[in-house]
């Protein structure tokens, strides 16, 4: 549970705590879980004077496929409301390179984002199955690569640490909040 996770995080011999900074599988599209994780990391920072680094979930989800040299990767996270969080990546010399911004898109817009040969995976694949069917050079993995492993979180996050981390972690939002939509305002 949470207590065990905190004990593990607090015992890390790293000078930085890493955490997922975008919607997480199992908690898709939930701003409450994002706020909880951000608050948890702020507490760790305050209590232990340990800087925190946010690792975008889409980036970390792509890590296990870094062996797919020359392929495009498109992780899809079910964002609810008929949308998926996604981004397009390419594997170059064993490194994952993000090619697009983070998006919240309707399934019918995903074919316009992907390039082939491409592997699509994650909790949003079922939602996008019809829109992605029939695209030559596209592989859809429905039942794997849906959660971020600790190894992927560490290996994706460690390169983000340059010099002295600021101790600030800012969330990445894939779409406008309900308040912004309802009241037609932009919150900065």
N, C-alpha and C. Protein backbone atom coordinates (compact mmCIF):
# COMPACT_ATOMS: atom_id res chain seq x y z
N UNK A 1 0.81 -1.18 0.00
CA UNK A 1 0.00 0.00 0.00
C UNK A 1 0.86 1.25 0.00
N UNK A 2 0.23 2.36 0.27
CA UNK A 2 0.90 3.66 0.24
C UNK A 2 2.03 3.71 1.26
N UNK A 3 1.83 3.16 2.46
CA UNK A 3 2.87 3.21 3.48
C UNK A 3 4.14 2.51 3.00
N UNK A 4 3.99 1.34 2.36
CA UNK A 4 5.15 0.61 1.84
C UNK A 4 5.84 1.40 0.75
N UNK A 5 5.04 2.03 -0.14
CA UNK A 5 5.62 2.84 -1.21
C UNK A 5 6.43 4.00 -0.62
N UNK A 6 5.89 4.66 0.40
CA UNK A 6 6.59 5.77 1.01
C UNK A 6 7.90 5.31 1.66
N UNK A 7 7.86 4.14 2.31
CA UNK A 7 9.07 3.63 2.94
C UNK A 7 10.14 3.37 1.89
N UNK A 8 9.74 2.81 0.74
CA UNK A 8 10.71 2.54 -0.33
C UNK A 8 11.26 3.85 -0.87
N UNK A 9 10.38 4.81 -1.15
CA UNK A 9 10.81 6.09 -1.70
C UNK A 9 11.78 6.78 -0.74
N UNK A 10 11.46 6.78 0.54
CA UNK A 10 12.27 7.49 1.51
C UNK A 10 13.63 6.83 1.74
N UNK A 11 13.77 5.56 1.40
CA UNK A 11 15.04 4.85 1.58
C UNK A 11 15.91 4.88 0.32
N UNK A 12 15.41 5.44 -0.76
CA UNK A 12 16.20 5.46 -1.98
C UNK A 12 17.51 6.18 -1.74
N UNK A 13 18.62 5.61 -2.23
CA UNK A 13 19.91 6.27 -2.04
C UNK A 13 20.15 7.34 -3.11
N UNK A 14 19.09 7.85 -3.68
CA UNK A 14 19.21 8.87 -4.72
C UNK A 14 19.00 10.24 -4.11
N UNK A 15 19.62 11.26 -4.67
CA UNK A 15 19.39 12.61 -4.15
C UNK A 15 18.08 13.21 -4.65
N UNK A 16 17.33 12.44 -5.45
CA UNK A 16 16.12 12.96 -6.08
C UNK A 16 15.03 11.90 -6.04
N UNK A 17 13.80 12.32 -5.78
CA UNK A 17 12.66 11.41 -5.88
C UNK A 17 12.02 11.60 -7.25
N UNK A 18 11.78 10.50 -7.95
CA UNK A 18 11.15 10.55 -9.27
C UNK A 18 9.70 10.11 -9.14
N UNK A 19 8.81 10.73 -9.89
CA UNK A 19 7.42 10.32 -9.87
C UNK A 19 6.79 10.58 -11.23
N UNK A 20 5.70 9.85 -11.50
CA UNK A 20 4.98 10.06 -12.74
C UNK A 20 4.22 11.37 -12.66
N UNK A 21 4.31 12.18 -13.71
CA UNK A 21 3.71 13.51 -13.63
C UNK A 21 2.53 13.70 -14.58
N UNK A 22 2.01 12.61 -15.09
CA UNK A 22 0.87 12.71 -15.99
C UNK A 22 -0.09 11.59 -15.64
N UNK A 23 -1.25 11.56 -16.25
CA UNK A 23 -2.24 10.54 -15.94
C UNK A 23 -1.61 9.16 -15.94
N UNK A 24 -1.95 8.37 -14.95
CA UNK A 24 -1.32 7.06 -14.77
C UNK A 24 -2.32 5.96 -15.09
N UNK A 25 -1.87 4.85 -15.67
CA UNK A 25 -2.79 3.73 -15.89
C UNK A 25 -3.45 3.34 -14.57
N UNK A 26 -4.75 3.11 -14.63
CA UNK A 26 -5.49 2.79 -13.41
C UNK A 26 -6.05 4.04 -12.75
N UNK A 27 -5.55 5.20 -13.13
CA UNK A 27 -6.02 6.47 -12.58
C UNK A 27 -6.20 7.47 -13.72
N UNK A 28 -6.54 6.96 -14.89
CA UNK A 28 -6.53 7.77 -16.10
C UNK A 28 -7.38 9.02 -15.99
N UNK A 29 -6.81 10.10 -16.43
CA UNK A 29 -7.53 11.35 -16.54
C UNK A 29 -7.96 11.96 -15.21
N UNK A 30 -7.52 11.39 -14.12
CA UNK A 30 -7.97 11.87 -12.82
C UNK A 30 -7.05 12.97 -12.32
N UNK A 31 -7.58 14.17 -12.24
CA UNK A 31 -6.76 15.26 -11.72
C UNK A 31 -6.53 15.07 -10.22
N UNK A 32 -7.47 14.35 -9.55
CA UNK A 32 -7.29 14.13 -8.12
C UNK A 32 -6.06 13.29 -7.84
N UNK A 33 -5.82 12.24 -8.64
CA UNK A 33 -4.64 11.40 -8.40
C UNK A 33 -3.37 12.20 -8.71
N UNK A 34 -3.41 13.01 -9.74
CA UNK A 34 -2.25 13.84 -10.06
C UNK A 34 -1.95 14.82 -8.94
N UNK A 35 -3.01 15.42 -8.38
CA UNK A 35 -2.83 16.34 -7.27
C UNK A 35 -2.30 15.60 -6.04
N UNK A 36 -2.79 14.38 -5.83
CA UNK A 36 -2.32 13.58 -4.70
C UNK A 36 -0.83 13.29 -4.85
N UNK A 37 -0.42 12.82 -6.04
CA UNK A 37 0.99 12.50 -6.24
C UNK A 37 1.87 13.75 -6.13
N UNK A 38 1.38 14.85 -6.67
CA UNK A 38 2.16 16.08 -6.57
C UNK A 38 2.27 16.50 -5.11
N UNK A 39 1.18 16.38 -4.34
CA UNK A 39 1.22 16.71 -2.93
C UNK A 39 2.13 15.78 -2.14
N UNK A 40 2.10 14.50 -2.49
CA UNK A 40 2.97 13.52 -1.84
C UNK A 40 4.43 13.89 -2.07
N UNK A 41 4.77 14.22 -3.30
CA UNK A 41 6.15 14.57 -3.61
C UNK A 41 6.55 15.89 -2.95
N UNK A 42 5.61 16.83 -2.88
CA UNK A 42 5.90 18.09 -2.19
C UNK A 42 6.19 17.81 -0.72
N UNK A 43 5.45 16.85 -0.12
CA UNK A 43 5.69 16.48 1.26
C UNK A 43 7.05 15.83 1.45
N UNK A 44 7.43 14.96 0.52
CA UNK A 44 8.75 14.32 0.58
C UNK A 44 9.83 15.39 0.47
N UNK A 45 9.63 16.32 -0.46
CA UNK A 45 10.61 17.41 -0.63
C UNK A 45 10.75 18.21 0.66
N UNK A 46 9.61 18.57 1.25
CA UNK A 46 9.64 19.39 2.46
C UNK A 46 10.22 18.64 3.65
N UNK A 47 9.83 17.38 3.82
CA UNK A 47 10.26 16.62 4.99
C UNK A 47 11.71 16.18 4.92
N UNK A 48 12.15 15.80 3.73
CA UNK A 48 13.49 15.23 3.59
C UNK A 48 14.46 16.13 2.85
N UNK A 49 13.97 17.31 2.44
CA UNK A 49 14.79 18.21 1.62
C UNK A 49 15.34 17.46 0.40
N UNK A 50 14.46 16.66 -0.21
CA UNK A 50 14.80 15.87 -1.39
C UNK A 50 14.12 16.48 -2.60
N UNK A 51 14.87 16.96 -3.57
CA UNK A 51 14.24 17.50 -4.78
C UNK A 51 13.44 16.41 -5.50
N UNK A 52 12.41 16.81 -6.21
CA UNK A 52 11.60 15.85 -6.96
C UNK A 52 11.62 16.19 -8.43
N UNK A 53 11.55 15.17 -9.25
CA UNK A 53 11.53 15.33 -10.70
C UNK A 53 10.31 14.60 -11.22
N UNK A 54 9.49 15.27 -12.01
CA UNK A 54 8.33 14.64 -12.63
C UNK A 54 8.75 13.95 -13.93
N UNK A 55 8.28 12.73 -14.11
CA UNK A 55 8.56 11.97 -15.33
C UNK A 55 7.24 11.74 -16.05
N UNK A 56 7.06 12.31 -17.23
CA UNK A 56 5.80 12.10 -17.96
C UNK A 56 5.52 10.61 -18.19
N UNK A 57 4.32 10.19 -17.83
CA UNK A 57 3.94 8.79 -17.96
C UNK A 57 4.10 8.29 -19.39
N UNK A 58 3.73 9.09 -20.37
CA UNK A 58 3.86 8.66 -21.77
C UNK A 58 5.32 8.36 -22.10
N UNK A 59 6.24 9.18 -21.59
CA UNK A 59 7.67 8.94 -21.83
C UNK A 59 8.10 7.62 -21.19
N UNK A 60 7.71 7.41 -19.94
CA UNK A 60 8.12 6.20 -19.23
C UNK A 60 7.47 4.95 -19.82
N UNK A 61 6.24 5.06 -20.31
CA UNK A 61 5.59 3.91 -20.94
C UNK A 61 6.36 3.43 -22.17
N UNK A 62 7.00 4.35 -22.88
CA UNK A 62 7.72 4.00 -24.11
C UNK A 62 9.04 3.30 -23.85
N UNK A 63 9.61 3.49 -22.68
CA UNK A 63 10.95 2.98 -22.38
C UNK A 63 11.15 1.50 -22.68
N UNK A 64 10.24 0.59 -22.29
CA UNK A 64 10.49 -0.84 -22.53
C UNK A 64 10.62 -1.21 -24.01
N UNK A 65 10.20 -0.34 -24.90
CA UNK A 65 10.27 -0.63 -26.33
C UNK A 65 11.47 0.04 -27.00
N UNK A 66 12.46 0.42 -26.21
CA UNK A 66 13.63 1.11 -26.77
C UNK A 66 14.48 0.21 -27.67
N UNK A 67 14.17 -1.06 -27.72
CA UNK A 67 14.88 -1.98 -28.62
C UNK A 67 14.29 -1.98 -30.03
N UNK A 68 13.19 -1.29 -30.25
CA UNK A 68 12.48 -1.29 -31.55
C UNK A 68 13.10 -0.26 -32.50
N UNK A 69 14.37 -0.40 -32.78
CA UNK A 69 15.14 0.53 -33.62
C UNK A 69 14.41 0.85 -34.92
N UNK A 70 14.32 2.15 -35.24
CA UNK A 70 13.71 2.58 -36.49
C UNK A 70 12.20 2.59 -36.49
N UNK A 71 11.58 2.24 -35.37
CA UNK A 71 10.12 2.23 -35.29
C UNK A 71 9.62 3.49 -34.58
N UNK A 72 8.41 3.84 -34.89
CA UNK A 72 7.70 4.88 -34.15
C UNK A 72 6.92 4.20 -33.04
N UNK A 73 6.76 4.89 -31.93
CA UNK A 73 6.00 4.39 -30.80
C UNK A 73 4.91 5.40 -30.46
N UNK A 74 3.72 4.89 -30.18
CA UNK A 74 2.61 5.77 -29.82
C UNK A 74 1.87 5.19 -28.63
N UNK A 75 2.30 5.56 -27.40
CA UNK A 75 1.57 5.11 -26.22
C UNK A 75 0.22 5.83 -26.15
N UNK A 76 -0.81 5.08 -25.80
CA UNK A 76 -2.16 5.62 -25.73
C UNK A 76 -2.71 5.34 -24.34
N UNK A 77 -3.05 6.38 -23.59
CA UNK A 77 -3.63 6.23 -22.26
C UNK A 77 -5.08 6.69 -22.33
N UNK A 78 -5.98 5.85 -21.88
CA UNK A 78 -7.40 6.19 -21.86
C UNK A 78 -7.59 7.41 -20.96
N UNK A 79 -8.02 8.51 -21.55
CA UNK A 79 -8.18 9.76 -20.81
C UNK A 79 -9.64 10.00 -20.41
N UNK A 80 -10.47 8.99 -20.64
CA UNK A 80 -11.91 9.09 -20.40
C UNK A 80 -12.50 10.13 -21.37
N UNK A 81 -13.77 10.37 -21.27
CA UNK A 81 -14.46 11.34 -22.13
C UNK A 81 -14.23 11.07 -23.61
N UNK A 82 -13.94 9.80 -23.97
CA UNK A 82 -13.76 9.44 -25.38
C UNK A 82 -12.46 9.94 -25.97
N UNK A 83 -11.45 10.22 -25.15
CA UNK A 83 -10.16 10.70 -25.62
C UNK A 83 -9.04 9.82 -25.09
N UNK A 84 -7.87 9.96 -25.73
CA UNK A 84 -6.67 9.30 -25.23
C UNK A 84 -5.56 10.33 -25.12
N UNK A 85 -4.72 10.17 -24.07
CA UNK A 85 -3.50 10.94 -23.98
C UNK A 85 -2.48 10.20 -24.83
N UNK A 86 -1.72 10.93 -25.63
CA UNK A 86 -0.76 10.27 -26.51
C UNK A 86 0.34 11.24 -26.93
N UNK A 87 1.38 10.65 -27.50
CA UNK A 87 2.48 11.40 -28.09
C UNK A 87 3.16 10.43 -29.05
N UNK A 88 3.90 10.96 -30.01
CA UNK A 88 4.62 10.11 -30.97
C UNK A 88 6.10 10.15 -30.66
N UNK A 89 6.72 8.98 -30.66
CA UNK A 89 8.15 8.82 -30.36
C UNK A 89 8.79 8.03 -31.49
N UNK A 90 10.11 8.10 -31.57
CA UNK A 90 10.88 7.30 -32.50
C UNK A 90 12.07 6.71 -31.75
N UNK A 91 12.42 5.47 -32.09
CA UNK A 91 13.58 4.85 -31.47
C UNK A 91 14.79 5.07 -32.38
N UNK A 92 15.79 5.76 -31.87
CA UNK A 92 17.01 6.06 -32.62
C UNK A 92 18.22 5.66 -31.78
N UNK A 93 18.96 4.70 -32.27
CA UNK A 93 20.17 4.21 -31.59
C UNK A 93 19.88 3.82 -30.13
N UNK A 94 18.75 3.15 -29.93
CA UNK A 94 18.37 2.68 -28.60
C UNK A 94 17.79 3.73 -27.69
N UNK A 95 17.65 4.96 -28.19
CA UNK A 95 17.08 6.05 -27.40
C UNK A 95 15.67 6.36 -27.88
N UNK A 96 14.83 6.74 -26.95
CA UNK A 96 13.46 7.15 -27.27
C UNK A 96 13.46 8.66 -27.46
N UNK A 97 13.04 9.11 -28.65
CA UNK A 97 13.00 10.54 -28.95
C UNK A 97 11.54 10.94 -29.17
N UNK A 98 11.06 11.89 -28.36
CA UNK A 98 9.68 12.36 -28.52
C UNK A 98 9.62 13.30 -29.71
N UNK A 99 8.67 13.03 -30.63
CA UNK A 99 8.54 13.81 -31.86
C UNK A 99 7.37 14.78 -31.83
N UNK A 100 6.42 14.57 -30.94
CA UNK A 100 5.24 15.44 -30.90
C UNK A 100 4.99 15.90 -29.47
N UNK A 101 4.12 16.86 -29.34
CA UNK A 101 3.70 17.32 -28.02
C UNK A 101 2.83 16.24 -27.39
N UNK A 102 2.49 16.42 -26.14
CA UNK A 102 1.53 15.55 -25.48
C UNK A 102 0.15 16.02 -25.90
N UNK A 103 -0.70 15.07 -26.27
CA UNK A 103 -2.02 15.41 -26.78
C UNK A 103 -3.11 14.68 -26.01
N UNK A 104 -4.31 15.24 -26.01
CA UNK A 104 -5.54 14.54 -25.65
C UNK A 104 -6.37 14.55 -26.92
N UNK A 105 -6.49 13.40 -27.58
CA UNK A 105 -7.14 13.33 -28.89
C UNK A 105 -8.29 12.33 -28.90
N UNK A 106 -9.24 12.57 -29.77
CA UNK A 106 -10.29 11.60 -30.06
C UNK A 106 -9.66 10.48 -30.89
N UNK A 107 -10.15 9.25 -30.75
CA UNK A 107 -9.55 8.13 -31.49
C UNK A 107 -9.45 8.35 -32.99
N UNK A 108 -10.42 9.01 -33.59
CA UNK A 108 -10.39 9.22 -35.04
C UNK A 108 -9.25 10.14 -35.47
N UNK A 109 -8.64 10.87 -34.54
CA UNK A 109 -7.52 11.76 -34.88
C UNK A 109 -6.15 11.09 -34.73
N UNK A 110 -6.10 9.92 -34.13
CA UNK A 110 -4.82 9.23 -33.92
C UNK A 110 -4.15 8.85 -35.24
N UNK A 111 -4.88 8.35 -36.26
CA UNK A 111 -4.20 8.02 -37.52
C UNK A 111 -3.44 9.19 -38.13
N UNK A 112 -3.86 10.41 -37.89
CA UNK A 112 -3.15 11.58 -38.39
C UNK A 112 -1.86 11.86 -37.64
N UNK A 113 -1.71 11.28 -36.47
CA UNK A 113 -0.51 11.48 -35.65
C UNK A 113 0.57 10.44 -35.95
N UNK A 114 0.15 9.19 -36.17
CA UNK A 114 1.12 8.10 -36.30
C UNK A 114 1.83 8.10 -37.65
N UNK A 115 3.06 7.59 -37.62
CA UNK A 115 3.86 7.32 -38.81
C UNK A 115 4.25 5.86 -38.73
N UNK A 116 4.53 5.25 -39.84
CA UNK A 116 4.86 3.82 -39.81
C UNK A 116 6.31 3.59 -40.21
N UNK A 117 6.88 2.46 -39.73
CA UNK A 117 6.28 1.42 -38.90
C UNK A 117 6.09 1.91 -37.47
N UNK A 118 4.96 1.58 -36.88
CA UNK A 118 4.60 2.11 -35.57
C UNK A 118 4.02 1.02 -34.68
N UNK A 119 4.27 1.14 -33.39
CA UNK A 119 3.68 0.28 -32.38
C UNK A 119 2.83 1.16 -31.47
N UNK A 120 1.54 0.85 -31.38
CA UNK A 120 0.63 1.55 -30.46
C UNK A 120 0.34 0.61 -29.30
N UNK A 121 0.31 1.14 -28.08
CA UNK A 121 0.14 0.31 -26.89
C UNK A 121 -0.40 1.16 -25.77
N UNK A 122 -0.87 0.53 -24.72
CA UNK A 122 -1.37 1.24 -23.55
C UNK A 122 -2.85 1.02 -23.33
N UNK A 123 -3.35 1.65 -22.28
CA UNK A 123 -4.75 1.45 -21.88
C UNK A 123 -5.74 2.05 -22.87
N UNK A 124 -5.29 2.88 -23.79
CA UNK A 124 -6.19 3.50 -24.76
C UNK A 124 -6.32 2.73 -26.07
N UNK A 125 -5.65 1.59 -26.20
CA UNK A 125 -5.69 0.86 -27.48
C UNK A 125 -7.08 0.35 -27.82
N UNK A 126 -7.82 -0.12 -26.82
CA UNK A 126 -9.16 -0.62 -27.11
C UNK A 126 -10.07 0.49 -27.63
N UNK A 127 -9.93 1.67 -27.07
CA UNK A 127 -10.72 2.82 -27.50
C UNK A 127 -10.40 3.20 -28.95
N UNK A 128 -9.13 2.99 -29.35
CA UNK A 128 -8.67 3.40 -30.68
C UNK A 128 -8.65 2.27 -31.70
N UNK A 129 -9.06 1.09 -31.29
CA UNK A 129 -8.94 -0.10 -32.15
C UNK A 129 -9.55 0.10 -33.53
N UNK A 130 -10.76 0.60 -33.60
CA UNK A 130 -11.43 0.79 -34.89
C UNK A 130 -10.71 1.84 -35.74
N UNK A 131 -10.31 2.94 -35.13
CA UNK A 131 -9.64 4.02 -35.87
C UNK A 131 -8.29 3.58 -36.42
N UNK A 132 -7.62 2.64 -35.74
CA UNK A 132 -6.29 2.21 -36.14
C UNK A 132 -6.29 0.99 -37.07
N UNK A 133 -7.44 0.33 -37.18
CA UNK A 133 -7.48 -0.89 -37.99
C UNK A 133 -7.23 -0.56 -39.46
N UNK A 134 -6.49 -1.43 -40.11
CA UNK A 134 -6.24 -1.29 -41.54
C UNK A 134 -5.07 -0.39 -41.91
N UNK A 135 -4.35 0.14 -40.95
CA UNK A 135 -3.19 0.98 -41.27
C UNK A 135 -1.99 0.06 -41.46
N UNK A 136 -1.44 0.04 -42.68
CA UNK A 136 -0.28 -0.80 -42.97
C UNK A 136 0.92 -0.34 -42.15
N UNK A 137 1.66 -1.31 -41.62
CA UNK A 137 2.86 -1.00 -40.86
C UNK A 137 2.59 -0.62 -39.42
N UNK A 138 1.34 -0.79 -38.96
CA UNK A 138 0.97 -0.43 -37.59
C UNK A 138 0.68 -1.70 -36.79
N UNK A 139 1.31 -1.82 -35.65
CA UNK A 139 1.07 -2.94 -34.74
C UNK A 139 0.41 -2.39 -33.48
N UNK A 140 -0.67 -3.01 -33.06
CA UNK A 140 -1.37 -2.60 -31.85
C UNK A 140 -1.19 -3.69 -30.80
N UNK A 141 -0.63 -3.34 -29.65
CA UNK A 141 -0.46 -4.27 -28.54
C UNK A 141 -1.50 -3.91 -27.50
N UNK A 142 -2.47 -4.81 -27.29
CA UNK A 142 -3.59 -4.50 -26.42
C UNK A 142 -3.38 -4.88 -24.95
N UNK A 143 -2.57 -5.88 -24.69
CA UNK A 143 -2.55 -6.44 -23.35
C UNK A 143 -1.21 -6.32 -22.63
N UNK A 144 -0.31 -5.51 -23.12
CA UNK A 144 1.00 -5.34 -22.48
C UNK A 144 1.37 -3.87 -22.51
N UNK A 145 2.41 -3.52 -21.78
CA UNK A 145 2.95 -2.16 -21.76
C UNK A 145 1.88 -1.13 -21.39
N UNK A 146 1.12 -1.44 -20.33
CA UNK A 146 0.06 -0.55 -19.88
C UNK A 146 0.39 0.15 -18.57
N UNK A 147 1.46 -0.27 -17.92
CA UNK A 147 1.84 0.33 -16.64
C UNK A 147 3.33 0.66 -16.67
N UNK A 148 3.70 1.63 -15.88
CA UNK A 148 5.09 2.06 -15.81
C UNK A 148 5.80 1.25 -14.73
N UNK A 149 6.90 0.62 -15.10
CA UNK A 149 7.69 -0.13 -14.12
C UNK A 149 8.62 0.83 -13.38
N UNK A 150 9.08 0.39 -12.23
CA UNK A 150 10.04 1.20 -11.48
C UNK A 150 11.31 1.44 -12.27
N UNK A 151 11.75 0.40 -13.00
CA UNK A 151 12.96 0.53 -13.82
C UNK A 151 12.77 1.60 -14.89
N UNK A 152 11.61 1.57 -15.56
CA UNK A 152 11.34 2.57 -16.61
C UNK A 152 11.28 3.97 -16.02
N UNK A 153 10.68 4.10 -14.84
CA UNK A 153 10.59 5.40 -14.19
C UNK A 153 11.99 5.94 -13.87
N UNK A 154 12.84 5.08 -13.32
CA UNK A 154 14.20 5.50 -13.00
C UNK A 154 15.02 5.82 -14.25
N UNK A 155 14.98 4.94 -15.23
CA UNK A 155 15.82 5.12 -16.42
C UNK A 155 15.33 6.27 -17.29
N UNK A 156 14.06 6.57 -17.23
CA UNK A 156 13.53 7.72 -17.98
C UNK A 156 13.79 9.01 -17.20
N UNK A 157 13.70 8.94 -15.88
CA UNK A 157 13.83 10.13 -15.07
C UNK A 157 15.25 10.57 -14.77
N UNK A 158 16.17 9.63 -14.62
CA UNK A 158 17.54 10.00 -14.27
C UNK A 158 18.19 10.96 -15.27
N UNK A 159 17.99 10.78 -16.59
CA UNK A 159 18.59 11.76 -17.52
C UNK A 159 18.01 13.17 -17.38
N UNK A 160 16.85 13.29 -16.74
CA UNK A 160 16.25 14.62 -16.55
C UNK A 160 16.98 15.42 -15.48
N UNK A 161 17.77 14.72 -14.67
CA UNK A 161 18.48 15.38 -13.58
C UNK A 161 19.76 15.99 -14.15
N UNK A 162 19.80 17.30 -14.20
CA UNK A 162 21.00 17.99 -14.69
C UNK A 162 21.46 18.95 -13.62
N UNK A 163 22.61 18.69 -13.06
CA UNK A 163 23.12 19.57 -12.01
C UNK A 163 22.28 19.47 -10.77
N UNK A 164 21.72 20.57 -10.36
CA UNK A 164 20.95 20.64 -9.13
C UNK A 164 19.47 20.79 -9.45
N UNK A 165 18.66 19.75 -9.21
CA UNK A 165 17.23 19.87 -9.46
C UNK A 165 16.62 20.98 -8.61
N UNK A 166 15.60 21.60 -9.15
CA UNK A 166 14.99 22.76 -8.48
C UNK A 166 14.14 22.38 -7.30
N UNK A 167 13.71 21.14 -7.23
CA UNK A 167 12.81 20.76 -6.15
C UNK A 167 11.37 21.05 -6.50
N UNK A 168 11.12 21.65 -7.66
CA UNK A 168 9.76 21.92 -8.09
C UNK A 168 9.35 20.89 -9.12
N UNK A 169 8.13 20.43 -9.02
CA UNK A 169 7.58 19.52 -10.01
C UNK A 169 6.28 20.13 -10.51
N UNK A 170 6.15 20.25 -11.79
CA UNK A 170 4.95 20.84 -12.36
C UNK A 170 4.21 19.78 -13.16
N UNK A 171 2.90 19.71 -13.00
CA UNK A 171 2.14 18.70 -13.74
C UNK A 171 2.06 19.05 -15.22
N UNK A 172 1.84 18.04 -16.02
CA UNK A 172 1.63 18.21 -17.46
C UNK A 172 0.16 17.90 -17.70
N UNK A 173 -0.56 18.81 -18.28
CA UNK A 173 -1.97 18.60 -18.53
C UNK A 173 -2.19 18.32 -20.02
N UNK A 174 -2.87 17.22 -20.31
CA UNK A 174 -3.13 16.84 -21.69
C UNK A 174 -4.30 17.57 -22.29
N UNK A 175 -5.13 18.18 -21.47
CA UNK A 175 -6.29 18.92 -21.97
C UNK A 175 -6.71 19.95 -20.94
N UNK A 176 -7.62 20.81 -21.34
CA UNK A 176 -8.13 21.84 -20.44
C UNK A 176 -8.93 21.20 -19.31
N UNK A 177 -8.92 21.83 -18.15
CA UNK A 177 -9.68 21.31 -17.01
C UNK A 177 -11.17 21.53 -17.22
N UNK A 178 -11.97 20.82 -16.41
CA UNK A 178 -13.42 20.98 -16.48
C UNK A 178 -13.83 22.43 -16.21
N UNK A 179 -13.16 23.09 -15.25
CA UNK A 179 -13.47 24.49 -14.93
C UNK A 179 -13.19 25.40 -16.13
N UNK A 180 -12.06 25.17 -16.82
CA UNK A 180 -11.73 25.99 -17.99
C UNK A 180 -12.78 25.82 -19.08
N UNK A 181 -13.22 24.59 -19.27
CA UNK A 181 -14.24 24.32 -20.31
C UNK A 181 -15.57 24.93 -19.91
N UNK A 182 -16.01 24.66 -18.67
CA UNK A 182 -17.32 25.10 -18.19
C UNK A 182 -17.44 26.62 -18.20
N UNK A 183 -16.39 27.32 -17.75
CA UNK A 183 -16.46 28.78 -17.63
C UNK A 183 -15.75 29.51 -18.78
N UNK A 184 -15.27 28.74 -19.77
CA UNK A 184 -14.60 29.29 -20.94
C UNK A 184 -13.49 30.29 -20.54
N UNK A 185 -12.60 29.80 -19.65
CA UNK A 185 -11.47 30.60 -19.21
C UNK A 185 -10.19 29.79 -19.40
N UNK A 186 -9.06 30.46 -19.33
CA UNK A 186 -7.78 29.78 -19.39
C UNK A 186 -7.05 30.01 -18.07
N UNK A 187 -6.70 28.91 -17.42
CA UNK A 187 -6.00 28.99 -16.15
C UNK A 187 -4.51 28.76 -16.42
N UNK A 188 -3.69 29.68 -15.93
CA UNK A 188 -2.25 29.55 -16.17
C UNK A 188 -1.52 29.23 -14.89
